[in-house]
Every structure is written in structure tokens, then in C-alpha cells.
Amino acid sequence: FPRDELFQIEAERLHEWSEGILDLETRPRVRVFARPDRFDRFVSVLVYVPRDRYNSSAREHIGALLADAYKGRIAAFYPYFTDGPLVRVQFIVGRYEGTTPQVEAAELERGIRQLLRTWADRLADAVRTLGPRGDALLEKYGAAFSAGYAETFTSERAQQGISAGSER
């Protein structure tokens, strides 16, 4: 737990967060814990994400999502790599003015899950819309696309190619 956060958080919120963080040991997943400063100067946000999905680009996108949600800017971020399957990143969202927006953690978690979806994830979803044959097509063609193709074309375009090729 970040030391500075430990000194600033209220006891009830610390208890709630502790239970949520302990739950991540048995069910690793994206989680967000946010604590607005009582003077509306900043929001401290702990974000837990799967280690295999975390990189600089993901951090930048998550930071942009949080800055937009809380109407501020990312003043600092502190990643912490645990031994487990998750990475914890503490974001400090600096606020400019006004009352801090109340943002539901579940809404932020949905947004972060969307940000962390890969091209392969979107391809799998698109191919599965083809019905029962989608799983077989995904197994056959899912790994057939190069990184260059994924950078150039959308997963939906790849799905169209897969479905057109399977009809021959």
C-alpha cells in the first residue's frame, strides 16, 4: 500500500480498500480505488491491472481516462510490480478548480478493461459473432495475422477475410 496514501486515507475507506485488495489475491482483475482530496486539489487513484496487459502505452491511456474523468491532469504515477499477476499503479490526478466529479469505480473499471483489450481480443469477439463455426475459425486463423497486419487493419476487417475465406 502506498505509504503516503496510508497516512491520508480515512479508517473506514482503508478497511474497505483493504478488503477489496485482498480479494484480488483470489480473483485477479482490473480494479480501481479512488480517493479525492478533501480540498479538491487532487484525486489519488490506485489501479490494478493484469501484468501481461500493462505497458507504457496502457499507462498513458489509463492516465488520460482518469484525467478526463476527474477533470484534471496526471501530476504523477507510481507503478508497483507485485509478485502476483497484477500491477498496481497509483495515479495522482491534479485538479484545477471546482468540486471533484463523483465517478463510479465500476465505470472506470469498464473503461480501463476496454483500453486494455488487444487486437487479438477484438478479433476473437468479431469471429465469435459468426456463430458455432466461429470457435473453429478462430483456432485455425486466430494466430495467422502478423503484427504489421494488425497495425494496418482493424480486427473487423480480419474477421471479414476469415468469414469470406471459410465460405469457399
C-alpha atoms as a PDB file:
ATOM      1  CA  PHE A   1       0.000   0.000   0.000  1.00  0.00           C
ATOM      2  CA  PRO A   2       1.485   3.407  -0.844  1.00  0.00           C
ATOM      3  CA  ARG A   3       2.886   4.948   2.328  1.00  0.00           C
ATOM      4  CA  ASP A   4       1.596   8.472   1.668  1.00  0.00           C
ATOM      5  CA  GLU A   5      -1.857   7.096   0.996  1.00  0.00           C
ATOM      6  CA  LEU A   6      -1.785   5.185   4.267  1.00  0.00           C
ATOM      7  CA  PHE A   7      -1.344   8.431   6.200  1.00  0.00           C
ATOM      8  CA  GLN A   8      -4.022  10.365   4.310  1.00  0.00           C
ATOM      9  CA  ILE A   9      -6.860   7.846   3.960  1.00  0.00           C
ATOM     10  CA  GLU A  10      -9.740   7.606   6.418  1.00  0.00           C
ATOM     11  CA  ALA A  11     -10.003   4.438   8.527  1.00  0.00           C
ATOM     12  CA  GLU A  12     -13.328   3.302   7.016  1.00  0.00           C
ATOM     13  CA  ARG A  13     -12.080   3.725   3.461  1.00  0.00           C
ATOM     14  CA  LEU A  14      -8.812   1.948   4.327  1.00  0.00           C
ATOM     15  CA  HIS A  15     -10.788  -1.008   5.648  1.00  0.00           C
ATOM     16  CA  GLU A  16     -12.957  -1.100   2.515  1.00  0.00           C
ATOM     17  CA  TRP A  17      -9.950  -0.853   0.192  1.00  0.00           C
ATOM     18  CA  SER A  18      -8.015  -3.481   2.155  1.00  0.00           C
ATOM     19  CA  GLU A  19     -10.822  -5.984   1.710  1.00  0.00           C
ATOM     20  CA  GLY A  20     -11.010  -5.187  -1.998  1.00  0.00           C
ATOM     21  CA  ILE A  21      -7.259  -5.548  -2.448  1.00  0.00           C
ATOM     22  CA  LEU A  22      -7.217  -8.841  -0.548  1.00  0.00           C
ATOM     23  CA  ASP A  23      -9.994 -10.095  -2.829  1.00  0.00           C
ATOM     24  CA  LEU A  24      -7.669  -9.502  -5.785  1.00  0.00           C
ATOM     25  CA  GLU A  25      -5.412 -12.279  -4.465  1.00  0.00           C
ATOM     26  CA  THR A  26      -8.083 -14.873  -5.209  1.00  0.00           C
ATOM     27  CA  ARG A  27      -9.758 -13.126  -8.173  1.00  0.00           C
ATOM     28  CA  PRO A  28      -7.214 -11.011 -10.079  1.00  0.00           C
ATOM     29  CA  ARG A  29      -8.891  -8.428 -12.312  1.00  0.00           C
ATOM     30  CA  VAL A  30      -8.987  -4.719 -13.117  1.00  0.00           C
ATOM     31  CA  ARG A  31      -9.872  -2.719 -10.023  1.00  0.00           C
ATOM     32  CA  VAL A  32      -9.927   0.982  -9.232  1.00  0.00           C
ATOM     33  CA  PHE A  33      -9.808   2.623  -5.814  1.00  0.00           C
ATOM     34  CA  ALA A  34     -10.126   6.423  -5.844  1.00  0.00           C
ATOM     35  CA  ARG A  35      -9.816   8.915  -3.016  1.00  0.00           C
ATOM     36  CA  PRO A  36     -10.498  12.594  -3.687  1.00  0.00           C
ATOM     37  CA  ASP A  37      -8.590  15.114  -1.588  1.00  0.00           C
ATOM     38  CA  ARG A  38     -10.939  16.830   0.837  1.00  0.00           C
ATOM     39  CA  PHE A  39      -9.853  20.231  -0.549  1.00  0.00           C
ATOM     40  CA  ASP A  40     -10.492  19.211  -4.200  1.00  0.00           C
ATOM     41  CA  ARG A  41      -6.810  19.649  -5.121  1.00  0.00           C
ATOM     42  CA  PHE A  42      -6.178  16.104  -6.349  1.00  0.00           C
ATOM     43  CA  VAL A  43      -7.520  12.578  -6.579  1.00  0.00           C
ATOM     44  CA  SER A  44      -5.362   9.606  -5.610  1.00  0.00           C
ATOM     45  CA  VAL A  45      -6.305   6.559  -7.694  1.00  0.00           C
ATOM     46  CA  LEU A  46      -4.971   3.039  -7.210  1.00  0.00           C
ATOM     47  CA  VAL A  47      -5.418   0.986 -10.364  1.00  0.00           C
ATOM     48  CA  TYR A  48      -4.776  -2.756 -10.505  1.00  0.00           C
ATOM     49  CA  VAL A  49      -4.316  -4.247 -13.985  1.00  0.00           C
ATOM     50  CA  PRO A  50      -3.123  -7.619 -15.320  1.00  0.00           C
ATOM     51  CA  ARG A  51       0.660  -7.638 -15.606  1.00  0.00           C
ATOM     52  CA  ASP A  52       0.565  -9.065 -19.147  1.00  0.00           C
ATOM     53  CA  ARG A  53      -1.551  -6.111 -20.335  1.00  0.00           C
ATOM     54  CA  TYR A  54       0.462  -3.362 -18.666  1.00  0.00           C
ATOM     55  CA  ASN A  55       2.951  -1.277 -20.640  1.00  0.00           C
ATOM     56  CA  SER A  56       3.766   2.409 -21.125  1.00  0.00           C
ATOM     57  CA  SER A  57       1.043   2.852 -23.710  1.00  0.00           C
ATOM     58  CA  ALA A  58      -1.563   1.280 -21.418  1.00  0.00           C
ATOM     59  CA  ARG A  59      -0.439   3.530 -18.560  1.00  0.00           C
ATOM     60  CA  GLU A  60      -0.729   6.628 -20.732  1.00  0.00           C
ATOM     61  CA  HIS A  61      -4.224   5.660 -21.908  1.00  0.00           C
ATOM     62  CA  ILE A  62      -5.375   4.856 -18.368  1.00  0.00           C
ATOM     63  CA  GLY A  63      -3.937   8.172 -17.168  1.00  0.00           C
ATOM     64  CA  ALA A  64      -5.798  10.048 -19.917  1.00  0.00           C
ATOM     65  CA  LEU A  65      -9.045   8.288 -18.959  1.00  0.00           C
ATOM     66  CA  LEU A  66      -8.599   9.235 -15.286  1.00  0.00           C
ATOM     67  CA  ALA A  67      -7.608  12.827 -16.082  1.00  0.00           C
ATOM     68  CA  ASP A  68     -10.706  13.210 -18.234  1.00  0.00           C
ATOM     69  CA  ALA A  69     -12.997  11.583 -15.666  1.00  0.00           C
ATOM     70  CA  TYR A  70     -11.763  13.789 -12.838  1.00  0.00           C
ATOM     71  CA  LYS A  71     -11.355  16.962 -14.939  1.00  0.00           C
ATOM     72  CA  GLY A  72      -7.650  17.319 -14.172  1.00  0.00           C
ATOM     73  CA  ARG A  73      -4.191  16.239 -15.289  1.00  0.00           C
ATOM     74  CA  ILE A  74      -1.892  13.408 -14.309  1.00  0.00           C
ATOM     75  CA  ALA A  75       0.546  15.007 -11.874  1.00  0.00           C
ATOM     76  CA  ALA A  76       2.354  11.762 -11.010  1.00  0.00           C
ATOM     77  CA  PHE A  77       2.154   7.996 -11.376  1.00  0.00           C
ATOM     78  CA  TYR A  78       3.863   5.266  -9.399  1.00  0.00           C
ATOM     79  CA  PRO A  79       3.814   1.717 -10.795  1.00  0.00           C
ATOM     80  CA  TYR A  80       4.456  -1.173  -8.428  1.00  0.00           C
ATOM     81  CA  PHE A  81       5.082  -4.659  -9.760  1.00  0.00           C
ATOM     82  CA  THR A  82       3.945  -7.281  -7.294  1.00  0.00           C
ATOM     83  CA  ASP A  83       4.956 -10.945  -7.385  1.00  0.00           C
ATOM     84  CA  GLY A  84       1.429 -11.817  -8.448  1.00  0.00           C
ATOM     85  CA  PRO A  85      -0.408 -11.416 -11.741  1.00  0.00           C
ATOM     86  CA  LEU A  86      -1.325  -7.751 -11.200  1.00  0.00           C
ATOM     87  CA  VAL A  87       0.455  -4.412 -11.419  1.00  0.00           C
ATOM     88  CA  ARG A  88      -0.612  -1.599  -9.118  1.00  0.00           C
ATOM     89  CA  VAL A  89      -0.283   1.936 -10.407  1.00  0.00           C
ATOM     90  CA  GLN A  90      -1.032   4.921  -8.214  1.00  0.00           C
ATOM     91  CA  PHE A  91      -2.093   7.934 -10.254  1.00  0.00           C
ATOM     92  CA  ILE A  92      -2.283  11.402  -8.758  1.00  0.00           C
ATOM     93  CA  VAL A  93      -4.785  13.452 -10.751  1.00  0.00           C
ATOM     94  CA  GLY A  94      -4.137  17.143 -10.157  1.00  0.00           C
ATOM     95  CA  ARG A  95      -7.292  19.231 -10.150  1.00  0.00           C
ATOM     96  CA  TYR A  96      -7.630  22.772 -11.449  1.00  0.00           C
ATOM     97  CA  GLU A  97     -10.821  24.114  -9.972  1.00  0.00           C
ATOM     98  CA  GLY A  98     -14.266  23.313  -8.713  1.00  0.00           C
ATOM     99  CA  THR A  99     -15.688  20.323  -6.971  1.00  0.00           C
ATOM    100  CA  THR A 100     -14.181  16.956  -7.816  1.00  0.00           C
ATOM    101  CA  PRO A 101     -16.557  14.917 -10.014  1.00  0.00           C
ATOM    102  CA  GLN A 102     -18.011  11.811  -8.397  1.00  0.00           C
ATOM    103  CA  VAL A 103     -17.050   8.919 -10.671  1.00  0.00           C
ATOM    104  CA  GLU A 104     -18.149   5.354 -10.074  1.00  0.00           C
ATOM    105  CA  ALA A 105     -15.262   2.888  -9.767  1.00  0.00           C
ATOM    106  CA  ALA A 106     -17.211   0.379 -11.871  1.00  0.00           C
ATOM    107  CA  GLU A 107     -17.416   2.915 -14.707  1.00  0.00           C
ATOM    108  CA  LEU A 108     -13.653   3.493 -14.594  1.00  0.00           C
ATOM    109  CA  GLU A 109     -13.008  -0.263 -14.446  1.00  0.00           C
ATOM    110  CA  ARG A 110     -15.142  -0.815 -17.576  1.00  0.00           C
ATOM    111  CA  GLY A 111     -13.244   1.923 -19.389  1.00  0.00           C
ATOM    112  CA  ILE A 112      -9.874   0.507 -18.380  1.00  0.00           C
ATOM    113  CA  ARG A 113     -10.875  -3.020 -19.437  1.00  0.00           C
ATOM    114  CA  GLN A 114     -11.801  -1.597 -22.856  1.00  0.00           C
ATOM    115  CA  LEU A 115      -8.456   0.198 -23.082  1.00  0.00           C
ATOM    116  CA  LEU A 116      -6.556  -2.988 -22.270  1.00  0.00           C
ATOM    117  CA  ARG A 117      -8.262  -5.051 -24.959  1.00  0.00           C
ATOM    118  CA  THR A 118      -5.842  -6.139 -27.635  1.00  0.00           C
ATOM    119  CA  TRP A 119      -6.350  -6.504 -31.360  1.00  0.00           C
ATOM    120  CA  ALA A 120      -6.484 -10.281 -30.838  1.00  0.00           C
ATOM    121  CA  ASP A 121      -9.236  -9.861 -28.207  1.00  0.00           C
ATOM    122  CA  ARG A 122     -11.323  -7.791 -30.632  1.00  0.00           C
ATOM    123  CA  LEU A 123     -10.697 -10.318 -33.420  1.00  0.00           C
ATOM    124  CA  ALA A 124     -11.855 -13.174 -31.193  1.00  0.00           C
ATOM    125  CA  ASP A 125     -15.069 -11.292 -30.359  1.00  0.00           C
ATOM    126  CA  ALA A 126     -15.689 -10.485 -34.030  1.00  0.00           C
ATOM    127  CA  VAL A 127     -15.101 -14.072 -35.192  1.00  0.00           C
ATOM    128  CA  ARG A 128     -17.330 -15.476 -32.454  1.00  0.00           C
ATOM    129  CA  THR A 129     -20.229 -13.485 -33.918  1.00  0.00           C
ATOM    130  CA  LEU A 130     -20.138 -15.985 -36.790  1.00  0.00           C
ATOM    131  CA  GLY A 131     -21.873 -18.485 -34.558  1.00  0.00           C
ATOM    132  CA  PRO A 132     -20.870 -22.083 -33.857  1.00  0.00           C
ATOM    133  CA  ARG A 133     -18.194 -22.155 -36.563  1.00  0.00           C
ATOM    134  CA  GLY A 134     -16.521 -19.075 -35.077  1.00  0.00           C
ATOM    135  CA  ASP A 135     -14.509 -21.031 -32.493  1.00  0.00           C
ATOM    136  CA  ALA A 136     -13.147 -23.395 -35.127  1.00  0.00           C
ATOM    137  CA  LEU A 137     -12.256 -20.487 -37.418  1.00  0.00           C
ATOM    138  CA  LEU A 138     -10.583 -18.672 -34.544  1.00  0.00           C
ATOM    139  CA  GLU A 139      -8.498 -21.725 -33.714  1.00  0.00           C
ATOM    140  CA  LYS A 140      -7.469 -22.096 -37.355  1.00  0.00           C
ATOM    141  CA  TYR A 141      -6.822 -18.429 -38.224  1.00  0.00           C
ATOM    142  CA  GLY A 142      -6.526 -16.580 -34.903  1.00  0.00           C
ATOM    143  CA  ALA A 143      -2.718 -16.542 -34.866  1.00  0.00           C
ATOM    144  CA  ALA A 144      -2.325 -16.147 -38.630  1.00  0.00           C
ATOM    145  CA  PHE A 145      -2.114 -12.356 -38.637  1.00  0.00           C
ATOM    146  CA  SER A 146       1.222 -10.577 -38.390  1.00  0.00           C
ATOM    147  CA  ALA A 147       1.853  -7.561 -36.190  1.00  0.00           C
ATOM    148  CA  GLY A 148       2.107  -5.458 -39.352  1.00  0.00           C
ATOM    149  CA  TYR A 149      -1.348  -6.559 -40.454  1.00  0.00           C
ATOM    150  CA  ALA A 150      -2.770  -5.777 -37.013  1.00  0.00           C
ATOM    151  CA  GLU A 151      -1.208  -2.304 -37.133  1.00  0.00           C
ATOM    152  CA  THR A 152      -2.702  -1.623 -40.563  1.00  0.00           C
ATOM    153  CA  PHE A 153      -6.145  -3.211 -40.467  1.00  0.00           C
ATOM    154  CA  THR A 154      -8.948  -3.450 -37.932  1.00  0.00           C
ATOM    155  CA  SER A 155      -9.927  -6.740 -36.345  1.00  0.00           C
ATOM    156  CA  GLU A 156     -13.319  -6.432 -38.051  1.00  0.00           C
ATOM    157  CA  ARG A 157     -11.578  -6.391 -41.441  1.00  0.00           C
ATOM    158  CA  ALA A 158      -9.675  -9.534 -40.493  1.00  0.00           C
ATOM    159  CA  GLN A 159     -12.954 -11.156 -39.430  1.00  0.00           C
ATOM    160  CA  GLN A 160     -14.446 -10.350 -42.847  1.00  0.00           C
ATOM    161  CA  GLY A 161     -11.464 -12.032 -44.512  1.00  0.00           C
ATOM    162  CA  ILE A 162     -11.791 -15.080 -42.300  1.00  0.00           C
ATOM    163  CA  SER A 163     -15.505 -15.446 -42.941  1.00  0.00           C
ATOM    164  CA  ALA A 164     -15.080 -14.900 -46.711  1.00  0.00           C
ATOM    165  CA  GLY A 165     -12.270 -17.481 -46.854  1.00  0.00           C
ATOM    166  CA  SER A 166     -14.256 -20.039 -44.881  1.00  0.00           C
ATOM    167  CA  GLU A 167     -17.198 -19.836 -47.277  1.00  0.00           C
ATOM    168  CA  ARG A 168     -15.106 -21.075 -50.206  1.00  0.00           C
END
